[in-house]
Amino acid sequence: MRKVIALTLILALGVPTMTVRAETIGEVAGLALDRYRFTDAETFLAEALQPLDPGIGPRMGQIYEFETKSPRRAFLYSLLVPGLGQLYAGNKLKAALFFVADVAAWGGYLSFRANGHDQEDAFRAYADLHWFEQPYWDSLLSVRSIAKWQDGDVFPHHIPYEVTAAGDTVALKNLEYYENIGKYQQFIWGWDDLAQISSSAAEPEDNYSSAHQGVYVVMREDANKQFDRATTMAIVSIANHLISAFDAAMTARRHNRSTEQARKLDVDLKLVTHDRTAMPWVNVAYRF
């Protein structure tokens, strides 16, 4: 069975502030009898507990309010903005850590992605400077008897193309185009520094090499690494959102548990009328 101890503080002019058990409240009233010339303790209490006259002042409520936090709301807050749920639950340090981690992740994502686009522009410009279609088509025709735009009939990869409104067929310089010319040996014929290194390879393309092709491959790999790192940063940010959300919910639960003891303390303040004068009346109760 829960026991309740009620403590009452009576604050009055000229009477020292006292903290006493509820059963001795009559004694407290008795100490004030001489000061206010009441005939007995009951008269004192009756006078003290009169309703407050209008104009004397507003009534006061609870001095201490122990607010619980919603774990679900904390979860949703941090799922949206990492750290916001922790801030709602009252943990500013965790809130700052999760928020800074998310800012860093998105900063890394934007930085790596921008670097990737810059390097992509660089390797495409390099390819346009050192790889040409006409030598590629001429070599295919002379070495393999493959007509222009028919390379896809022999090889699994080909130069992507489109037909214009005027009926002309032109190379489509898209992602596939720039990947193929550096990745597959059949496109060696288009590099402007073509050098023969052998004459005995089973495939004619394997008898040749290009330093420009080697540089181009490295440039593409570096660009792809930047995009991969950007993807990693995005994954880190998503993980941070999820971890922050679950942690915020647990932080809210811990906050609620920590206030269970504090909520056992009930401090109520109100104004009562004594001798036409507003006087604070404080009730303190602790449950255990």
C-alpha atoms as a PDB file:
ATOM      1  CA  MET A   1       0.000   0.000   0.000  1.00  0.00           C
ATOM      2  CA  ARG A   2       1.324   3.404  -0.966  1.00  0.00           C
ATOM      3  CA  LYS A   3       1.898   5.752   1.935  1.00  0.00           C
ATOM      4  CA  VAL A   4       1.573   9.473   1.579  1.00  0.00           C
ATOM      5  CA  ILE A   5       3.320  11.952   3.790  1.00  0.00           C
ATOM      6  CA  ALA A   6       1.923  15.462   3.402  1.00  0.00           C
ATOM      7  CA  LEU A   7       3.999  18.416   4.413  1.00  0.00           C
ATOM      8  CA  THR A   8       2.545  21.897   4.649  1.00  0.00           C
ATOM      9  CA  LEU A   9       4.442  25.145   4.646  1.00  0.00           C
ATOM     10  CA  ILE A  10       2.578  28.113   6.055  1.00  0.00           C
ATOM     11  CA  LEU A  11       4.112  31.427   5.147  1.00  0.00           C
ATOM     12  CA  ALA A  12       2.691  34.440   7.035  1.00  0.00           C
ATOM     13  CA  LEU A  13       3.851  37.856   8.159  1.00  0.00           C
ATOM     14  CA  GLY A  14       5.921  37.603  11.279  1.00  0.00           C
ATOM     15  CA  VAL A  15       5.633  33.780  11.474  1.00  0.00           C
ATOM     16  CA  PRO A  16       8.781  31.773  10.693  1.00  0.00           C
ATOM     17  CA  THR A  17       8.499  29.292   7.794  1.00  0.00           C
ATOM     18  CA  MET A  18       8.035  25.783   9.190  1.00  0.00           C
ATOM     19  CA  THR A  19       7.977  22.324   7.654  1.00  0.00           C
ATOM     20  CA  VAL A  20       5.886  19.872   9.645  1.00  0.00           C
ATOM     21  CA  ARG A  21       4.015  16.613   9.293  1.00  0.00           C
ATOM     22  CA  ALA A  22       0.330  16.864   8.440  1.00  0.00           C
ATOM     23  CA  GLU A  23      -0.748  15.585  11.834  1.00  0.00           C
ATOM     24  CA  THR A  24       0.934  18.531  13.607  1.00  0.00           C
ATOM     25  CA  ILE A  25      -0.791  21.209  11.542  1.00  0.00           C
ATOM     26  CA  GLY A  26      -2.765  22.183  14.600  1.00  0.00           C
ATOM     27  CA  GLU A  27       0.463  22.911  16.409  1.00  0.00           C
ATOM     28  CA  VAL A  28       1.528  25.218  13.572  1.00  0.00           C
ATOM     29  CA  ALA A  29      -1.765  27.047  13.839  1.00  0.00           C
ATOM     30  CA  GLY A  30      -1.279  27.313  17.572  1.00  0.00           C
ATOM     31  CA  LEU A  31       2.071  29.070  17.133  1.00  0.00           C
ATOM     32  CA  ALA A  32       0.290  31.811  15.213  1.00  0.00           C
ATOM     33  CA  LEU A  33      -2.520  32.358  17.704  1.00  0.00           C
ATOM     34  CA  ASP A  34      -0.699  34.983  19.739  1.00  0.00           C
ATOM     35  CA  ARG A  35       0.266  36.910  16.638  1.00  0.00           C
ATOM     36  CA  TYR A  36      -3.230  37.063  15.167  1.00  0.00           C
ATOM     37  CA  ARG A  37      -5.272  36.661  18.358  1.00  0.00           C
ATOM     38  CA  PHE A  38      -7.294  33.711  17.169  1.00  0.00           C
ATOM     39  CA  THR A  39      -9.184  31.828  19.833  1.00  0.00           C
ATOM     40  CA  ASP A  40      -8.127  28.383  18.609  1.00  0.00           C
ATOM     41  CA  ALA A  41      -6.420  26.480  15.791  1.00  0.00           C
ATOM     42  CA  GLU A  42      -9.677  25.670  13.996  1.00  0.00           C
ATOM     43  CA  THR A  43     -10.479  29.366  13.668  1.00  0.00           C
ATOM     44  CA  PHE A  44      -7.022  29.992  12.211  1.00  0.00           C
ATOM     45  CA  LEU A  45      -7.396  27.262   9.602  1.00  0.00           C
ATOM     46  CA  ALA A  46     -10.909  28.359   8.674  1.00  0.00           C
ATOM     47  CA  GLU A  47      -9.691  31.896   8.133  1.00  0.00           C
ATOM     48  CA  ALA A  48      -6.596  30.826   6.204  1.00  0.00           C
ATOM     49  CA  LEU A  49      -8.518  28.620   3.818  1.00  0.00           C
ATOM     50  CA  GLN A  50     -11.079  31.246   2.819  1.00  0.00           C
ATOM     51  CA  PRO A  51     -11.416  31.754  -0.948  1.00  0.00           C
ATOM     52  CA  LEU A  52      -9.175  34.466  -2.302  1.00  0.00           C
ATOM     53  CA  ASP A  53     -10.893  37.825  -2.685  1.00  0.00           C
ATOM     54  CA  PRO A  54     -10.984  39.251  -6.227  1.00  0.00           C
ATOM     55  CA  GLY A  55      -8.194  41.697  -6.859  1.00  0.00           C
ATOM     56  CA  ILE A  56      -5.742  40.276  -4.352  1.00  0.00           C
ATOM     57  CA  GLY A  57      -3.937  38.164  -6.948  1.00  0.00           C
ATOM     58  CA  PRO A  58      -4.160  35.092  -9.146  1.00  0.00           C
ATOM     59  CA  ARG A  59      -4.169  31.584  -7.771  1.00  0.00           C
ATOM     60  CA  MET A  60      -1.115  29.478  -8.421  1.00  0.00           C
ATOM     61  CA  GLY A  61      -0.964  25.870  -9.470  1.00  0.00           C
ATOM     62  CA  GLN A  62       1.692  23.194  -9.312  1.00  0.00           C
ATOM     63  CA  ILE A  63       5.169  24.518  -8.593  1.00  0.00           C
ATOM     64  CA  TYR A  64       6.819  21.528 -10.224  1.00  0.00           C
ATOM     65  CA  GLU A  65       5.423  19.882 -13.347  1.00  0.00           C
ATOM     66  CA  PHE A  66       7.085  16.664 -14.510  1.00  0.00           C
ATOM     67  CA  GLU A  67       6.326  16.293 -18.214  1.00  0.00           C
ATOM     68  CA  THR A  68       6.556  12.886 -19.842  1.00  0.00           C
ATOM     69  CA  LYS A  69       7.869  12.526 -23.375  1.00  0.00           C
ATOM     70  CA  SER A  70       6.308  10.494 -26.161  1.00  0.00           C
ATOM     71  CA  PRO A  71       8.757   7.842 -27.492  1.00  0.00           C
ATOM     72  CA  ARG A  72       6.784   7.703 -30.738  1.00  0.00           C
ATOM     73  CA  ARG A  73       7.042  11.442 -31.259  1.00  0.00           C
ATOM     74  CA  ALA A  74      10.751  11.375 -30.417  1.00  0.00           C
ATOM     75  CA  PHE A  75      11.228   8.560 -32.954  1.00  0.00           C
ATOM     76  CA  LEU A  76       9.486  10.498 -35.728  1.00  0.00           C
ATOM     77  CA  TYR A  77      11.332  13.728 -34.930  1.00  0.00           C
ATOM     78  CA  SER A  78      14.761  12.087 -35.216  1.00  0.00           C
ATOM     79  CA  LEU A  79      13.733  10.067 -38.247  1.00  0.00           C
ATOM     80  CA  LEU A  80      13.063  13.382 -39.952  1.00  0.00           C
ATOM     81  CA  VAL A  81      16.017  15.327 -38.507  1.00  0.00           C
ATOM     82  CA  PRO A  82      18.647  13.346 -36.570  1.00  0.00           C
ATOM     83  CA  GLY A  83      19.013  14.753 -33.059  1.00  0.00           C
ATOM     84  CA  LEU A  84      15.632  16.495 -33.001  1.00  0.00           C
ATOM     85  CA  GLY A  85      14.051  13.639 -31.032  1.00  0.00           C
ATOM     86  CA  GLN A  86      16.907  13.688 -28.513  1.00  0.00           C
ATOM     87  CA  LEU A  87      16.438  17.439 -28.095  1.00  0.00           C
ATOM     88  CA  TYR A  88      12.718  16.891 -27.502  1.00  0.00           C
ATOM     89  CA  ALA A  89      13.551  14.201 -24.927  1.00  0.00           C
ATOM     90  CA  GLY A  90      15.910  16.577 -23.108  1.00  0.00           C
ATOM     91  CA  ASN A  91      19.342  15.246 -24.142  1.00  0.00           C
ATOM     92  CA  LYS A  92      21.118  18.156 -25.829  1.00  0.00           C
ATOM     93  CA  LEU A  93      24.497  16.408 -26.110  1.00  0.00           C
ATOM     94  CA  LYS A  94      23.107  13.469 -28.082  1.00  0.00           C
ATOM     95  CA  ALA A  95      21.046  15.862 -30.171  1.00  0.00           C
ATOM     96  CA  ALA A  96      24.173  17.772 -31.166  1.00  0.00           C
ATOM     97  CA  LEU A  97      26.147  14.605 -31.951  1.00  0.00           C
ATOM     98  CA  PHE A  98      23.486  13.092 -34.210  1.00  0.00           C
ATOM     99  CA  PHE A  99      22.828  16.385 -35.976  1.00  0.00           C
ATOM    100  CA  VAL A 100      26.528  17.076 -36.604  1.00  0.00           C
ATOM    101  CA  ALA A 101      26.986  13.514 -37.894  1.00  0.00           C
ATOM    102  CA  ASP A 102      24.162  14.026 -40.389  1.00  0.00           C
ATOM    103  CA  VAL A 103      25.521  17.376 -41.535  1.00  0.00           C
ATOM    104  CA  ALA A 104      28.954  15.771 -42.014  1.00  0.00           C
ATOM    105  CA  ALA A 105      27.474  12.870 -43.978  1.00  0.00           C
ATOM    106  CA  TRP A 106      25.550  15.134 -46.324  1.00  0.00           C
ATOM    107  CA  GLY A 107      28.538  17.432 -46.637  1.00  0.00           C
ATOM    108  CA  GLY A 108      30.647  14.451 -47.668  1.00  0.00           C
ATOM    109  CA  TYR A 109      27.972  13.292 -50.112  1.00  0.00           C
ATOM    110  CA  LEU A 110      27.777  16.672 -51.840  1.00  0.00           C
ATOM    111  CA  SER A 111      31.564  17.061 -51.913  1.00  0.00           C
ATOM    112  CA  PHE A 112      32.286  13.597 -53.339  1.00  0.00           C
ATOM    113  CA  ARG A 113      29.481  13.892 -55.865  1.00  0.00           C
ATOM    114  CA  ALA A 114      30.742  17.283 -57.048  1.00  0.00           C
ATOM    115  CA  ASN A 115      34.268  15.861 -57.378  1.00  0.00           C
ATOM    116  CA  GLY A 116      32.871  12.919 -59.342  1.00  0.00           C
ATOM    117  CA  HIS A 117      31.094  15.215 -61.795  1.00  0.00           C
ATOM    118  CA  ASP A 118      34.231  17.316 -62.210  1.00  0.00           C
ATOM    119  CA  GLN A 119      36.336  14.247 -62.958  1.00  0.00           C
ATOM    120  CA  GLU A 120      33.632  12.914 -65.259  1.00  0.00           C
ATOM    121  CA  ASP A 121      33.775  16.124 -67.272  1.00  0.00           C
ATOM    122  CA  ALA A 122      37.573  15.808 -67.335  1.00  0.00           C
ATOM    123  CA  PHE A 123      37.714  12.244 -68.663  1.00  0.00           C
ATOM    124  CA  ARG A 124      35.048  12.949 -71.288  1.00  0.00           C
ATOM    125  CA  ALA A 125      37.027  15.952 -72.507  1.00  0.00           C
ATOM    126  CA  TYR A 126      40.150  13.758 -72.575  1.00  0.00           C
ATOM    127  CA  ALA A 127      38.337  11.117 -74.660  1.00  0.00           C
ATOM    128  CA  ASP A 128      37.044  13.714 -77.107  1.00  0.00           C
ATOM    129  CA  LEU A 129      40.626  14.927 -77.512  1.00  0.00           C
ATOM    130  CA  HIS A 130      42.231  11.514 -78.094  1.00  0.00           C
ATOM    131  CA  TRP A 131      39.606   9.095 -79.418  1.00  0.00           C
ATOM    132  CA  PHE A 132      38.036   9.449 -82.875  1.00  0.00           C
ATOM    133  CA  GLU A 133      35.298   7.568 -84.676  1.00  0.00           C
ATOM    134  CA  GLN A 134      36.654   7.582 -88.202  1.00  0.00           C
ATOM    135  CA  PRO A 135      39.872   5.628 -87.503  1.00  0.00           C
ATOM    136  CA  TYR A 136      37.758   3.162 -85.551  1.00  0.00           C
ATOM    137  CA  TRP A 137      35.377   2.573 -88.481  1.00  0.00           C
ATOM    138  CA  ASP A 138      38.203   2.476 -91.037  1.00  0.00           C
ATOM    139  CA  SER A 139      40.108  -0.169 -89.018  1.00  0.00           C
ATOM    140  CA  LEU A 140      37.041  -2.328 -88.491  1.00  0.00           C
ATOM    141  CA  LEU A 141      36.318  -2.266 -92.206  1.00  0.00           C
ATOM    142  CA  SER A 142      39.874  -3.117 -93.254  1.00  0.00           C
ATOM    143  CA  VAL A 143      40.664  -5.647 -90.521  1.00  0.00           C
ATOM    144  CA  ARG A 144      37.293  -7.326 -89.961  1.00  0.00           C
ATOM    145  CA  SER A 145      35.176  -6.169 -92.877  1.00  0.00           C
ATOM    146  CA  ILE A 146      32.633  -4.579 -90.543  1.00  0.00           C
ATOM    147  CA  ALA A 147      30.690  -1.701 -92.069  1.00  0.00           C
ATOM    148  CA  LYS A 148      29.996   1.516 -90.202  1.00  0.00           C
ATOM    149  CA  TRP A 149      27.341   1.192 -87.481  1.00  0.00           C
ATOM    150  CA  GLN A 150      27.416  -2.591 -87.828  1.00  0.00           C
ATOM    151  CA  ASP A 151      29.878  -3.279 -85.011  1.00  0.00           C
ATOM    152  CA  GLY A 152      27.040  -4.495 -82.815  1.00  0.00           C
ATOM    153  CA  ASP A 153      26.481  -7.424 -85.195  1.00  0.00           C
ATOM    154  CA  VAL A 154      29.905  -8.850 -84.359  1.00  0.00           C
ATOM    155  CA  PHE A 155      30.773  -7.538 -80.891  1.00  0.00           C
ATOM    156  CA  PRO A 156      28.601  -7.547 -77.755  1.00  0.00           C
ATOM    157  CA  HIS A 157      29.324  -3.811 -77.404  1.00  0.00           C
ATOM    158  CA  HIS A 158      28.999  -1.097 -79.999  1.00  0.00           C
ATOM    159  CA  ILE A 159      29.005   2.639 -80.516  1.00  0.00           C
ATOM    160  CA  PRO A 160      25.541   3.886 -79.461  1.00  0.00           C
ATOM    161  CA  TYR A 161      23.914   6.039 -82.097  1.00  0.00           C
ATOM    162  CA  GLU A 162      20.783   7.932 -82.993  1.00  0.00           C
ATOM    163  CA  VAL A 163      19.149   8.967 -86.237  1.00  0.00           C
ATOM    164  CA  THR A 164      18.515  12.689 -86.558  1.00  0.00           C
ATOM    165  CA  ALA A 165      15.409  14.311 -88.074  1.00  0.00           C
ATOM    166  CA  ALA A 166      17.405  14.824 -91.272  1.00  0.00           C
ATOM    167  CA  GLY A 167      18.042  11.067 -91.487  1.00  0.00           C
ATOM    168  CA  ASP A 168      21.719  11.186 -90.492  1.00  0.00           C
ATOM    169  CA  THR A 169      23.161   8.589 -88.117  1.00  0.00           C
ATOM    170  CA  VAL A 170      25.390  10.092 -85.423  1.00  0.00           C
ATOM    171  CA  ALA A 171      27.155   8.728 -82.368  1.00  0.00           C
ATOM    172  CA  LEU A 172      25.279   9.205 -79.131  1.00  0.00           C
ATOM    173  CA  LYS A 173      27.855  10.339 -76.578  1.00  0.00           C
ATOM    174  CA  ASN A 174      26.179   9.016 -73.480  1.00  0.00           C
ATOM    175  CA  LEU A 175      27.382   6.977 -70.502  1.00  0.00           C
ATOM    176  CA  GLU A 176      27.592   3.805 -72.623  1.00  0.00           C
ATOM    177  CA  TYR A 177      29.710   5.541 -75.239  1.00  0.00           C
ATOM    178  CA  TYR A 178      32.335   6.775 -72.769  1.00  0.00           C
ATOM    179  CA  GLU A 179      32.404   3.460 -70.923  1.00  0.00           C
ATOM    180  CA  ASN A 180      32.845   1.343 -74.057  1.00  0.00           C
ATOM    181  CA  ILE A 181      35.719   3.227 -75.678  1.00  0.00           C
ATOM    182  CA  GLY A 182      37.912   2.782 -72.609  1.00  0.00           C
ATOM    183  CA  LYS A 183      36.755  -0.575 -71.281  1.00  0.00           C
ATOM    184  CA  TYR A 184      36.703  -2.866 -74.338  1.00  0.00           C
ATOM    185  CA  GLN A 185      39.681  -3.705 -76.514  1.00  0.00           C
ATOM    186  CA  GLN A 186      37.708  -3.560 -79.776  1.00  0.00           C
ATOM    187  CA  PHE A 187      37.737   0.250 -79.488  1.00  0.00           C
ATOM    188  CA  ILE A 188      41.545   0.422 -79.451  1.00  0.00           C
ATOM    189  CA  TRP A 189      41.414   1.458 -83.102  1.00  0.00           C
ATOM    190  CA  GLY A 190      40.032   4.879 -82.272  1.00  0.00           C
ATOM    191  CA  TRP A 191      42.868   6.093 -79.990  1.00  0.00           C
ATOM    192  CA  ASP A 192      45.238   8.560 -81.625  1.00  0.00           C
ATOM    193  CA  ASP A 193      48.466   7.064 -80.205  1.00  0.00           C
ATOM    194  CA  LEU A 194      47.852   3.506 -81.410  1.00  0.00           C
ATOM    195  CA  ALA A 195      51.058   1.449 -81.180  1.00  0.00           C
ATOM    196  CA  GLN A 196      51.675  -2.119 -82.350  1.00  0.00           C
ATOM    197  CA  ILE A 197      53.123  -4.340 -79.623  1.00  0.00           C
ATOM    198  CA  SER A 198      52.754  -7.774 -81.228  1.00  0.00           C
ATOM    199  CA  SER A 199      51.750  -9.569 -84.412  1.00  0.00           C
ATOM    200  CA  SER A 200      50.886 -13.003 -83.080  1.00  0.00           C
ATOM    201  CA  ALA A 201      47.801 -12.355 -80.914  1.00  0.00           C
ATOM    202  CA  ALA A 202      44.699 -14.355 -81.730  1.00  0.00           C
ATOM    203  CA  GLU A 203      42.604 -11.209 -82.003  1.00  0.00           C
ATOM    204  CA  PRO A 204      43.980  -8.347 -84.140  1.00  0.00           C
ATOM    205  CA  GLU A 205      43.006  -5.745 -81.547  1.00  0.00           C
ATOM    206  CA  ASP A 206      45.272  -7.432 -78.981  1.00  0.00           C
ATOM    207  CA  ASN A 207      48.352  -6.623 -81.086  1.00  0.00           C
ATOM    208  CA  TYR A 208      47.951  -2.925 -80.287  1.00  0.00           C
ATOM    209  CA  SER A 209      47.991  -0.691 -77.230  1.00  0.00           C
ATOM    210  CA  SER A 210      47.408   2.964 -76.370  1.00  0.00           C
ATOM    211  CA  ALA A 211      48.919   5.007 -73.544  1.00  0.00           C
ATOM    212  CA  HIS A 212      46.055   7.475 -73.864  1.00  0.00           C
ATOM    213  CA  GLN A 213      43.607   4.657 -73.312  1.00  0.00           C
ATOM    214  CA  GLY A 214      45.452   3.706 -70.093  1.00  0.00           C
ATOM    215  CA  VAL A 215      45.296   7.271 -68.789  1.00  0.00           C
ATOM    216  CA  TYR A 216      41.621   7.481 -69.699  1.00  0.00           C
ATOM    217  CA  VAL A 217      40.791   4.266 -67.803  1.00  0.00           C
ATOM    218  CA  VAL A 218      42.457   5.615 -64.652  1.00  0.00           C
ATOM    219  CA  MET A 219      40.566   8.890 -64.949  1.00  0.00           C
ATOM    220  CA  ARG A 220      37.241   7.045 -65.209  1.00  0.00           C
ATOM    221  CA  GLU A 221      38.101   4.861 -62.219  1.00  0.00           C
ATOM    222  CA  ASP A 222      38.911   7.921 -60.120  1.00  0.00           C
ATOM    223  CA  ALA A 223      35.589   9.514 -61.044  1.00  0.00           C
ATOM    224  CA  ASN A 224      33.704   6.324 -60.201  1.00  0.00           C
ATOM    225  CA  LYS A 225      35.452   6.167 -56.815  1.00  0.00           C
ATOM    226  CA  GLN A 226      34.169   9.644 -56.025  1.00  0.00           C
ATOM    227  CA  PHE A 227      30.617   8.589 -56.893  1.00  0.00           C
ATOM    228  CA  ASP A 228      31.005   5.425 -54.793  1.00  0.00           C
ATOM    229  CA  ARG A 229      32.131   7.509 -51.826  1.00  0.00           C
ATOM    230  CA  ALA A 230      29.146   9.819 -52.314  1.00  0.00           C
ATOM    231  CA  THR A 231      26.874   6.765 -52.232  1.00  0.00           C
ATOM    232  CA  THR A 232      28.567   5.608 -49.024  1.00  0.00           C
ATOM    233  CA  MET A 233      27.930   8.996 -47.407  1.00  0.00           C
ATOM    234  CA  ALA A 234      24.261   8.796 -48.387  1.00  0.00           C
ATOM    235  CA  ILE A 235      24.028   5.347 -46.788  1.00  0.00           C
ATOM    236  CA  VAL A 236      25.716   6.702 -43.645  1.00  0.00           C
ATOM    237  CA  SER A 237      23.151   9.504 -43.487  1.00  0.00           C
ATOM    238  CA  ILE A 238      20.245   7.077 -43.837  1.00  0.00           C
ATOM    239  CA  ALA A 239      21.735   4.867 -41.118  1.00  0.00           C
ATOM    240  CA  ASN A 240      22.200   7.925 -38.910  1.00  0.00           C
ATOM    241  CA  HIS A 241      18.521   8.815 -39.322  1.00  0.00           C
ATOM    242  CA  LEU A 242      17.446   5.313 -38.303  1.00  0.00           C
ATOM    243  CA  ILE A 243      19.872   4.989 -35.379  1.00  0.00           C
ATOM    244  CA  SER A 244      18.971   8.461 -34.148  1.00  0.00           C
ATOM    245  CA  ALA A 245      15.254   7.636 -34.339  1.00  0.00           C
ATOM    246  CA  PHE A 246      15.551   4.459 -32.260  1.00  0.00           C
ATOM    247  CA  ASP A 247      17.899   6.152 -29.803  1.00  0.00           C
ATOM    248  CA  ALA A 248      15.473   9.074 -29.430  1.00  0.00           C
ATOM    249  CA  ALA A 249      12.662   6.685 -28.538  1.00  0.00           C
ATOM    250  CA  MET A 250      14.841   5.000 -25.909  1.00  0.00           C
ATOM    251  CA  THR A 251      15.990   8.386 -24.606  1.00  0.00           C
ATOM    252  CA  ALA A 252      12.356   9.418 -24.162  1.00  0.00           C
ATOM    253  CA  ARG A 253      11.624   6.185 -22.281  1.00  0.00           C
ATOM    254  CA  ARG A 254      14.619   6.743 -20.008  1.00  0.00           C
ATOM    255  CA  HIS A 255      13.448  10.292 -19.392  1.00  0.00           C
ATOM    256  CA  ASN A 256      10.017   9.004 -18.390  1.00  0.00           C
ATOM    257  CA  ARG A 257      11.512   6.402 -16.052  1.00  0.00           C
ATOM    258  CA  SER A 258      13.797   8.982 -14.460  1.00  0.00           C
ATOM    259  CA  THR A 259      10.835  11.216 -13.668  1.00  0.00           C
ATOM    260  CA  GLU A 260       8.845   8.441 -12.014  1.00  0.00           C
ATOM    261  CA  GLN A 261      10.599   9.099  -8.721  1.00  0.00           C
ATOM    262  CA  ALA A 262      10.391  12.842  -9.160  1.00  0.00           C
ATOM    263  CA  ARG A 263       6.670  12.667  -9.895  1.00  0.00           C
ATOM    264  CA  LYS A 264       6.146  11.190  -6.461  1.00  0.00           C
ATOM    265  CA  LEU A 265       6.857  14.672  -5.160  1.00  0.00           C
ATOM    266  CA  ASP A 266       3.753  16.856  -5.347  1.00  0.00           C
ATOM    267  CA  VAL A 267       4.251  20.538  -4.548  1.00  0.00           C
ATOM    268  CA  ASP A 268       1.152  22.688  -4.789  1.00  0.00           C
ATOM    269  CA  LEU A 269       1.125  26.457  -4.216  1.00  0.00           C
ATOM    270  CA  LYS A 270      -1.964  28.555  -3.816  1.00  0.00           C
ATOM    271  CA  LEU A 271      -2.864  31.900  -2.329  1.00  0.00           C
ATOM    272  CA  VAL A 272      -5.260  32.059   0.575  1.00  0.00           C
ATOM    273  CA  THR A 273      -6.748  35.031   2.389  1.00  0.00           C
ATOM    274  CA  HIS A 274      -5.586  35.785   5.876  1.00  0.00           C
ATOM    275  CA  ASP A 275      -6.766  38.980   7.508  1.00  0.00           C
ATOM    276  CA  ARG A 276      -7.665  40.377   4.066  1.00  0.00           C
ATOM    277  CA  THR A 277      -4.091  39.716   2.949  1.00  0.00           C
ATOM    278  CA  ALA A 278      -2.912  37.208   0.315  1.00  0.00           C
ATOM    279  CA  MET A 279      -0.735  34.535   1.874  1.00  0.00           C
ATOM    280  CA  PRO A 280       1.004  31.641   0.046  1.00  0.00           C
ATOM    281  CA  TRP A 281      -0.007  28.156   1.099  1.00  0.00           C
ATOM    282  CA  VAL A 282       2.320  25.350   0.043  1.00  0.00           C
ATOM    283  CA  ASN A 283       1.365  21.677   0.174  1.00  0.00           C
ATOM    284  CA  VAL A 284       4.160  19.176  -0.275  1.00  0.00           C
ATOM    285  CA  ALA A 285       3.375  15.466  -0.668  1.00  0.00           C
ATOM    286  CA  TYR A 286       5.709  12.552  -1.380  1.00  0.00           C
ATOM    287  CA  ARG A 287       4.357   9.145  -2.377  1.00  0.00           C
ATOM    288  CA  PHE A 288       6.264   5.930  -1.837  1.00  0.00           C
END
